[in-house]
């Protein structure tokens, strides 16, 4: 059945392509692609993606949602063509240009990050934890940027060192993926922990403290920055 949408197209970013090619299973690739398409054309948030596909979607959520927001701002309508409440006319050309330039800068950061993270840096035995570690690496970079910090230290470390703490948390510490998901979501918006956890090693040492706080109030605080219902779905 044909679904209703007034949007005629969207920019498929290089970062979407890079993330897609990191996925090993065709089923995850399809879920990831359909999540992007349904959000871009229908403004539907993904559900039931599974751990890896949702993890990948969350790493691109900011770009995806900014694209949808840009369409709404430009047209003053939702994706079905309904006027938005309080709309007073199209956005000014200057405002749209400024928004576009900001997105270009964020995309440059994302592309540089993707080029620096190599699966060849990771021991074969740890490959299954690679995607999780990469997602946290991207999250920490975005948290540092939003907090006005420098990326010097986080970029200097070998990415292979980011994977081992994830493996140990899941195989030795007895941490469940659901709790890891909840902490991922919490770290996207908690103003104290955002600048204070910048590696998976630090995440492991502080995990019990963070998960306690996340379970008490992690779902009640207003989200900012990267937007992560990676936990609401996880990355379900």
C-alpha atoms as a PDB file:
ATOM      1  CA  UNK A   1       0.000   0.000   0.000  1.00  0.00           C
ATOM      2  CA  UNK A   2       1.322   3.410  -0.945  1.00  0.00           C
ATOM      3  CA  UNK A   3       2.196   5.502   2.083  1.00  0.00           C
ATOM      4  CA  UNK A   4       1.376   9.206   2.135  1.00  0.00           C
ATOM      5  CA  UNK A   5       4.230  11.689   2.178  1.00  0.00           C
ATOM      6  CA  UNK A   6       4.810  15.064   0.537  1.00  0.00           C
ATOM      7  CA  UNK A   7       8.593  14.856   0.707  1.00  0.00           C
ATOM      8  CA  UNK A   8      10.205  14.140  -2.658  1.00  0.00           C
ATOM      9  CA  UNK A   9      13.739  13.253  -1.561  1.00  0.00           C
ATOM     10  CA  UNK A  10      16.567  13.594   0.969  1.00  0.00           C
ATOM     11  CA  UNK A  11      20.367  13.567   1.007  1.00  0.00           C
ATOM     12  CA  UNK A  12      21.795  10.091   1.624  1.00  0.00           C
ATOM     13  CA  UNK A  13      24.990  10.956   3.488  1.00  0.00           C
ATOM     14  CA  UNK A  14      28.341   9.244   3.084  1.00  0.00           C
ATOM     15  CA  UNK A  15      28.284   8.416   6.789  1.00  0.00           C
ATOM     16  CA  UNK A  16      25.099   6.351   6.248  1.00  0.00           C
ATOM     17  CA  UNK A  17      26.945   4.396   3.576  1.00  0.00           C
ATOM     18  CA  UNK A  18      30.007   3.878   5.777  1.00  0.00           C
ATOM     19  CA  UNK A  19      27.933   2.592   8.679  1.00  0.00           C
ATOM     20  CA  UNK A  20      25.905   0.355   6.370  1.00  0.00           C
ATOM     21  CA  UNK A  21      29.075  -1.288   5.107  1.00  0.00           C
ATOM     22  CA  UNK A  22      30.165  -2.107   8.649  1.00  0.00           C
ATOM     23  CA  UNK A  23      27.087  -4.312   9.103  1.00  0.00           C
ATOM     24  CA  UNK A  24      27.688  -7.998   8.439  1.00  0.00           C
ATOM     25  CA  UNK A  25      24.101  -9.322   8.284  1.00  0.00           C
ATOM     26  CA  UNK A  26      21.797  -8.423   5.378  1.00  0.00           C
ATOM     27  CA  UNK A  27      18.850  -8.371   7.797  1.00  0.00           C
ATOM     28  CA  UNK A  28      20.570  -5.640   9.850  1.00  0.00           C
ATOM     29  CA  UNK A  29      21.395  -3.693   6.701  1.00  0.00           C
ATOM     30  CA  UNK A  30      17.755  -3.781   5.598  1.00  0.00           C
ATOM     31  CA  UNK A  31      16.494  -2.696   9.034  1.00  0.00           C
ATOM     32  CA  UNK A  32      19.008   0.162   9.126  1.00  0.00           C
ATOM     33  CA  UNK A  33      18.058   1.383   5.640  1.00  0.00           C
ATOM     34  CA  UNK A  34      14.308   1.119   6.244  1.00  0.00           C
ATOM     35  CA  UNK A  35      14.682   2.998   9.546  1.00  0.00           C
ATOM     36  CA  UNK A  36      16.355   5.887   7.697  1.00  0.00           C
ATOM     37  CA  UNK A  37      13.803   5.892   4.872  1.00  0.00           C
ATOM     38  CA  UNK A  38      10.747   5.729   7.154  1.00  0.00           C
ATOM     39  CA  UNK A  39      12.082   8.556   9.306  1.00  0.00           C
ATOM     40  CA  UNK A  40      12.985  10.744   6.348  1.00  0.00           C
ATOM     41  CA  UNK A  41       9.704  10.297   4.471  1.00  0.00           C
ATOM     42  CA  UNK A  42       7.190   9.537   7.247  1.00  0.00           C
ATOM     43  CA  UNK A  43       8.851  10.937  10.394  1.00  0.00           C
ATOM     44  CA  UNK A  44       8.442   7.524  12.040  1.00  0.00           C
ATOM     45  CA  UNK A  45      10.867   6.595  14.810  1.00  0.00           C
ATOM     46  CA  UNK A  46      12.281   3.075  14.408  1.00  0.00           C
ATOM     47  CA  UNK A  47      11.101   0.222  16.613  1.00  0.00           C
ATOM     48  CA  UNK A  48      12.358  -3.322  17.057  1.00  0.00           C
ATOM     49  CA  UNK A  49      15.582  -2.851  15.093  1.00  0.00           C
ATOM     50  CA  UNK A  50      17.620  -5.209  17.220  1.00  0.00           C
ATOM     51  CA  UNK A  51      20.851  -4.367  19.016  1.00  0.00           C
ATOM     52  CA  UNK A  52      23.288  -3.794  16.145  1.00  0.00           C
ATOM     53  CA  UNK A  53      20.918  -2.133  13.644  1.00  0.00           C
ATOM     54  CA  UNK A  54      19.630   0.226  16.324  1.00  0.00           C
ATOM     55  CA  UNK A  55      23.175   0.968  17.443  1.00  0.00           C
ATOM     56  CA  UNK A  56      24.022   2.033  13.906  1.00  0.00           C
ATOM     57  CA  UNK A  57      20.856   4.103  13.584  1.00  0.00           C
ATOM     58  CA  UNK A  58      21.629   5.913  16.818  1.00  0.00           C
ATOM     59  CA  UNK A  59      25.085   6.825  15.540  1.00  0.00           C
ATOM     60  CA  UNK A  60      23.364   8.654  12.643  1.00  0.00           C
ATOM     61  CA  UNK A  61      20.241   9.866  14.447  1.00  0.00           C
ATOM     62  CA  UNK A  62      21.398  13.467  14.722  1.00  0.00           C
ATOM     63  CA  UNK A  63      21.937  13.826  10.949  1.00  0.00           C
ATOM     64  CA  UNK A  64      18.671  12.050  10.154  1.00  0.00           C
ATOM     65  CA  UNK A  65      16.577  14.174  12.515  1.00  0.00           C
ATOM     66  CA  UNK A  66      18.255  17.399  11.387  1.00  0.00           C
ATOM     67  CA  UNK A  67      17.321  16.541   7.799  1.00  0.00           C
ATOM     68  CA  UNK A  68      13.668  16.070   8.770  1.00  0.00           C
ATOM     69  CA  UNK A  69      13.758  19.251  10.836  1.00  0.00           C
ATOM     70  CA  UNK A  70      15.247  21.174   7.917  1.00  0.00           C
ATOM     71  CA  UNK A  71      12.410  20.053   5.637  1.00  0.00           C
ATOM     72  CA  UNK A  72       9.776  21.113   8.177  1.00  0.00           C
ATOM     73  CA  UNK A  73      11.480  24.458   8.742  1.00  0.00           C
ATOM     74  CA  UNK A  74      11.729  25.186   5.042  1.00  0.00           C
ATOM     75  CA  UNK A  75       8.144  24.204   4.190  1.00  0.00           C
ATOM     76  CA  UNK A  76       6.423  24.995   7.504  1.00  0.00           C
ATOM     77  CA  UNK A  77       4.589  21.692   7.009  1.00  0.00           C
ATOM     78  CA  UNK A  78       4.943  18.172   8.339  1.00  0.00           C
ATOM     79  CA  UNK A  79       5.830  15.325   5.977  1.00  0.00           C
ATOM     80  CA  UNK A  80       2.160  14.784   5.111  1.00  0.00           C
ATOM     81  CA  UNK A  81       1.813  18.413   4.028  1.00  0.00           C
ATOM     82  CA  UNK A  82      -0.103  19.613   7.080  1.00  0.00           C
ATOM     83  CA  UNK A  83       0.792  23.174   8.178  1.00  0.00           C
ATOM     84  CA  UNK A  84       2.736  23.262  11.413  1.00  0.00           C
ATOM     85  CA  UNK A  85       1.136  25.044  14.339  1.00  0.00           C
ATOM     86  CA  UNK A  86       2.326  28.637  14.598  1.00  0.00           C
ATOM     87  CA  UNK A  87       3.837  28.650  11.097  1.00  0.00           C
ATOM     88  CA  UNK A  88       4.245  32.158   9.715  1.00  0.00           C
ATOM     89  CA  UNK A  89       5.956  31.515   6.411  1.00  0.00           C
ATOM     90  CA  UNK A  90       9.123  29.875   5.121  1.00  0.00           C
ATOM     91  CA  UNK A  91      12.420  30.203   6.913  1.00  0.00           C
ATOM     92  CA  UNK A  92      14.723  32.957   5.684  1.00  0.00           C
ATOM     93  CA  UNK A  93      17.363  32.010   3.164  1.00  0.00           C
ATOM     94  CA  UNK A  94      20.075  33.146   5.571  1.00  0.00           C
ATOM     95  CA  UNK A  95      18.804  30.953   8.394  1.00  0.00           C
ATOM     96  CA  UNK A  96      18.609  27.919   6.112  1.00  0.00           C
ATOM     97  CA  UNK A  97      22.112  28.552   4.800  1.00  0.00           C
ATOM     98  CA  UNK A  98      23.481  28.870   8.331  1.00  0.00           C
ATOM     99  CA  UNK A  99      21.815  25.596   9.337  1.00  0.00           C
ATOM    100  CA  UNK A 100      23.252  23.883   6.269  1.00  0.00           C
ATOM    101  CA  UNK A 101      26.774  25.083   7.081  1.00  0.00           C
ATOM    102  CA  UNK A 102      26.480  23.734  10.624  1.00  0.00           C
ATOM    103  CA  UNK A 103      25.443  20.342   9.268  1.00  0.00           C
ATOM    104  CA  UNK A 104      28.422  20.332   6.901  1.00  0.00           C
ATOM    105  CA  UNK A 105      30.808  20.921   9.804  1.00  0.00           C
ATOM    106  CA  UNK A 106      29.226  18.121  11.836  1.00  0.00           C
ATOM    107  CA  UNK A 107      29.441  15.820   8.834  1.00  0.00           C
ATOM    108  CA  UNK A 108      33.162  16.543   8.472  1.00  0.00           C
ATOM    109  CA  UNK A 109      33.694  15.514  12.108  1.00  0.00           C
ATOM    110  CA  UNK A 110      31.681  12.320  11.532  1.00  0.00           C
ATOM    111  CA  UNK A 111      33.603  11.399   8.368  1.00  0.00           C
ATOM    112  CA  UNK A 112      36.942  11.980  10.068  1.00  0.00           C
ATOM    113  CA  UNK A 113      35.894   9.786  12.978  1.00  0.00           C
ATOM    114  CA  UNK A 114      34.744   6.979  10.681  1.00  0.00           C
ATOM    115  CA  UNK A 115      38.052   7.093   8.808  1.00  0.00           C
ATOM    116  CA  UNK A 116      40.032   6.802  12.049  1.00  0.00           C
ATOM    117  CA  UNK A 117      38.188   3.760  13.396  1.00  0.00           C
ATOM    118  CA  UNK A 118      39.522   0.665  11.655  1.00  0.00           C
ATOM    119  CA  UNK A 119      38.289  -2.836  12.306  1.00  0.00           C
ATOM    120  CA  UNK A 120      41.812  -4.019  11.541  1.00  0.00           C
ATOM    121  CA  UNK A 121      42.871  -2.409  14.843  1.00  0.00           C
ATOM    122  CA  UNK A 122      40.705  -4.917  16.705  1.00  0.00           C
ATOM    123  CA  UNK A 123      41.734  -8.496  17.599  1.00  0.00           C
ATOM    124  CA  UNK A 124      39.631 -11.119  15.807  1.00  0.00           C
ATOM    125  CA  UNK A 125      38.303 -12.407  19.136  1.00  0.00           C
ATOM    126  CA  UNK A 126      36.842  -8.968  19.893  1.00  0.00           C
ATOM    127  CA  UNK A 127      35.186  -8.201  16.554  1.00  0.00           C
ATOM    128  CA  UNK A 128      31.703  -8.942  17.921  1.00  0.00           C
ATOM    129  CA  UNK A 129      32.144  -6.058  20.409  1.00  0.00           C
ATOM    130  CA  UNK A 130      33.527  -3.678  17.785  1.00  0.00           C
ATOM    131  CA  UNK A 131      30.225  -2.013  16.815  1.00  0.00           C
ATOM    132  CA  UNK A 132      29.310  -1.317  20.438  1.00  0.00           C
ATOM    133  CA  UNK A 133      32.697   0.215  21.177  1.00  0.00           C
ATOM    134  CA  UNK A 134      32.521   2.322  18.019  1.00  0.00           C
ATOM    135  CA  UNK A 135      29.104   3.662  19.009  1.00  0.00           C
ATOM    136  CA  UNK A 136      30.410   4.728  22.422  1.00  0.00           C
ATOM    137  CA  UNK A 137      33.493   6.266  20.790  1.00  0.00           C
ATOM    138  CA  UNK A 138      31.241   8.378  18.563  1.00  0.00           C
ATOM    139  CA  UNK A 139      29.038   9.306  21.504  1.00  0.00           C
ATOM    140  CA  UNK A 140      32.010  10.468  23.596  1.00  0.00           C
ATOM    141  CA  UNK A 141      33.343  12.564  20.717  1.00  0.00           C
ATOM    142  CA  UNK A 142      29.999  14.307  20.300  1.00  0.00           C
ATOM    143  CA  UNK A 143      29.728  14.835  24.069  1.00  0.00           C
ATOM    144  CA  UNK A 144      33.173  16.433  24.148  1.00  0.00           C
ATOM    145  CA  UNK A 145      32.304  18.718  21.229  1.00  0.00           C
ATOM    146  CA  UNK A 146      28.994  19.786  22.805  1.00  0.00           C
ATOM    147  CA  UNK A 147      30.815  20.482  26.092  1.00  0.00           C
ATOM    148  CA  UNK A 148      33.402  22.685  24.355  1.00  0.00           C
ATOM    149  CA  UNK A 149      36.279  20.273  25.020  1.00  0.00           C
ATOM    150  CA  UNK A 150      39.180  19.083  22.857  1.00  0.00           C
ATOM    151  CA  UNK A 151      39.317  15.829  20.930  1.00  0.00           C
ATOM    152  CA  UNK A 152      43.078  15.508  21.264  1.00  0.00           C
ATOM    153  CA  UNK A 153      43.145  12.750  23.887  1.00  0.00           C
ATOM    154  CA  UNK A 154      40.247  10.702  22.564  1.00  0.00           C
ATOM    155  CA  UNK A 155      41.747  10.683  19.057  1.00  0.00           C
ATOM    156  CA  UNK A 156      45.251   9.800  20.275  1.00  0.00           C
ATOM    157  CA  UNK A 157      44.238   6.438  21.743  1.00  0.00           C
ATOM    158  CA  UNK A 158      44.305   3.284  19.605  1.00  0.00           C
ATOM    159  CA  UNK A 159      40.737   2.238  18.936  1.00  0.00           C
ATOM    160  CA  UNK A 160      41.574  -1.376  19.722  1.00  0.00           C
ATOM    161  CA  UNK A 161      41.885  -0.349  23.372  1.00  0.00           C
ATOM    162  CA  UNK A 162      38.259   0.770  23.336  1.00  0.00           C
ATOM    163  CA  UNK A 163      36.957  -2.714  22.571  1.00  0.00           C
ATOM    164  CA  UNK A 164      38.434  -4.704  25.451  1.00  0.00           C
ATOM    165  CA  UNK A 165      36.477  -2.894  28.233  1.00  0.00           C
ATOM    166  CA  UNK A 166      33.237  -3.558  26.345  1.00  0.00           C
ATOM    167  CA  UNK A 167      34.118  -7.242  26.063  1.00  0.00           C
ATOM    168  CA  UNK A 168      35.002  -7.445  29.765  1.00  0.00           C
ATOM    169  CA  UNK A 169      31.807  -5.694  30.844  1.00  0.00           C
ATOM    170  CA  UNK A 170      29.661  -8.123  28.863  1.00  0.00           C
ATOM    171  CA  UNK A 171      31.606 -11.343  29.469  1.00  0.00           C
ATOM    172  CA  UNK A 172      33.300 -10.885  32.859  1.00  0.00           C
ATOM    173  CA  UNK A 173      31.426  -8.210  34.792  1.00  0.00           C
ATOM    174  CA  UNK A 174      28.015  -9.720  34.049  1.00  0.00           C
ATOM    175  CA  UNK A 175      26.627  -6.482  32.638  1.00  0.00           C
ATOM    176  CA  UNK A 176      23.537  -6.968  30.497  1.00  0.00           C
ATOM    177  CA  UNK A 177      23.155  -5.362  27.085  1.00  0.00           C
ATOM    178  CA  UNK A 178      19.945  -3.722  28.307  1.00  0.00           C
ATOM    179  CA  UNK A 179      21.900  -1.898  31.038  1.00  0.00           C
ATOM    180  CA  UNK A 180      24.585  -0.922  28.548  1.00  0.00           C
ATOM    181  CA  UNK A 181      21.833   0.516  26.371  1.00  0.00           C
ATOM    182  CA  UNK A 182      20.381   2.482  29.264  1.00  0.00           C
ATOM    183  CA  UNK A 183      23.770   3.951  30.133  1.00  0.00           C
ATOM    184  CA  UNK A 184      24.365   4.883  26.482  1.00  0.00           C
ATOM    185  CA  UNK A 185      21.094   6.835  26.509  1.00  0.00           C
ATOM    186  CA  UNK A 186      21.828   8.425  29.885  1.00  0.00           C
ATOM    187  CA  UNK A 187      25.288   9.607  28.789  1.00  0.00           C
ATOM    188  CA  UNK A 188      23.780  11.464  25.868  1.00  0.00           C
ATOM    189  CA  UNK A 189      21.991  13.951  28.087  1.00  0.00           C
ATOM    190  CA  UNK A 190      23.446  13.914  31.610  1.00  0.00           C
ATOM    191  CA  UNK A 191      25.396  17.160  31.956  1.00  0.00           C
ATOM    192  CA  UNK A 192      27.717  15.834  34.670  1.00  0.00           C
ATOM    193  CA  UNK A 193      28.789  12.572  33.046  1.00  0.00           C
ATOM    194  CA  UNK A 194      28.962  13.838  29.448  1.00  0.00           C
ATOM    195  CA  UNK A 195      32.346  15.558  29.923  1.00  0.00           C
ATOM    196  CA  UNK A 196      33.595  13.129  32.583  1.00  0.00           C
ATOM    197  CA  UNK A 197      33.415   9.824  30.713  1.00  0.00           C
ATOM    198  CA  UNK A 198      35.562   9.884  27.590  1.00  0.00           C
ATOM    199  CA  UNK A 199      36.605   6.258  27.147  1.00  0.00           C
ATOM    200  CA  UNK A 200      35.171   2.763  27.524  1.00  0.00           C
ATOM    201  CA  UNK A 201      37.797   2.084  30.191  1.00  0.00           C
ATOM    202  CA  UNK A 202      36.439   4.945  32.304  1.00  0.00           C
ATOM    203  CA  UNK A 203      32.932   3.757  31.496  1.00  0.00           C
ATOM    204  CA  UNK A 204      33.752   0.345  32.944  1.00  0.00           C
ATOM    205  CA  UNK A 205      35.175   1.716  36.207  1.00  0.00           C
ATOM    206  CA  UNK A 206      32.218   4.047  36.755  1.00  0.00           C
ATOM    207  CA  UNK A 207      29.522   1.784  35.319  1.00  0.00           C
ATOM    208  CA  UNK A 208      27.843   0.779  38.610  1.00  0.00           C
ATOM    209  CA  UNK A 209      27.545   4.412  39.680  1.00  0.00           C
ATOM    210  CA  UNK A 210      26.240   5.557  36.295  1.00  0.00           C
ATOM    211  CA  UNK A 211      23.710   2.741  35.884  1.00  0.00           C
ATOM    212  CA  UNK A 212      22.349   3.494  39.363  1.00  0.00           C
ATOM    213  CA  UNK A 213      21.759   7.112  38.443  1.00  0.00           C
ATOM    214  CA  UNK A 214      20.394   6.186  35.019  1.00  0.00           C
ATOM    215  CA  UNK A 215      17.815   3.830  36.535  1.00  0.00           C
ATOM    216  CA  UNK A 216      16.723   6.497  39.014  1.00  0.00           C
ATOM    217  CA  UNK A 217      16.322   9.414  36.651  1.00  0.00           C
ATOM    218  CA  UNK A 218      17.856   8.666  33.254  1.00  0.00           C
ATOM    219  CA  UNK A 219      14.508   8.543  31.450  1.00  0.00           C
ATOM    220  CA  UNK A 220      13.104  11.707  33.020  1.00  0.00           C
ATOM    221  CA  UNK A 221      15.703  14.252  31.979  1.00  0.00           C
ATOM    222  CA  UNK A 222      15.370  16.248  28.813  1.00  0.00           C
ATOM    223  CA  UNK A 223      17.584  14.896  26.071  1.00  0.00           C
ATOM    224  CA  UNK A 224      20.001  17.112  24.200  1.00  0.00           C
ATOM    225  CA  UNK A 225      22.625  16.800  21.549  1.00  0.00           C
ATOM    226  CA  UNK A 226      22.782  13.380  19.921  1.00  0.00           C
ATOM    227  CA  UNK A 227      19.248  12.186  20.876  1.00  0.00           C
ATOM    228  CA  UNK A 228      19.407   8.519  21.925  1.00  0.00           C
ATOM    229  CA  UNK A 229      16.484   6.238  22.139  1.00  0.00           C
ATOM    230  CA  UNK A 230      19.165   3.691  21.363  1.00  0.00           C
ATOM    231  CA  UNK A 231      18.290   2.416  24.766  1.00  0.00           C
ATOM    232  CA  UNK A 232      14.576   2.544  24.305  1.00  0.00           C
ATOM    233  CA  UNK A 233      15.095   0.296  21.310  1.00  0.00           C
ATOM    234  CA  UNK A 234      18.656  -1.272  21.625  1.00  0.00           C
ATOM    235  CA  UNK A 235      20.372   0.143  19.509  1.00  0.00           C
ATOM    236  CA  UNK A 236      14.620  -3.181  21.786  1.00  0.00           C
END
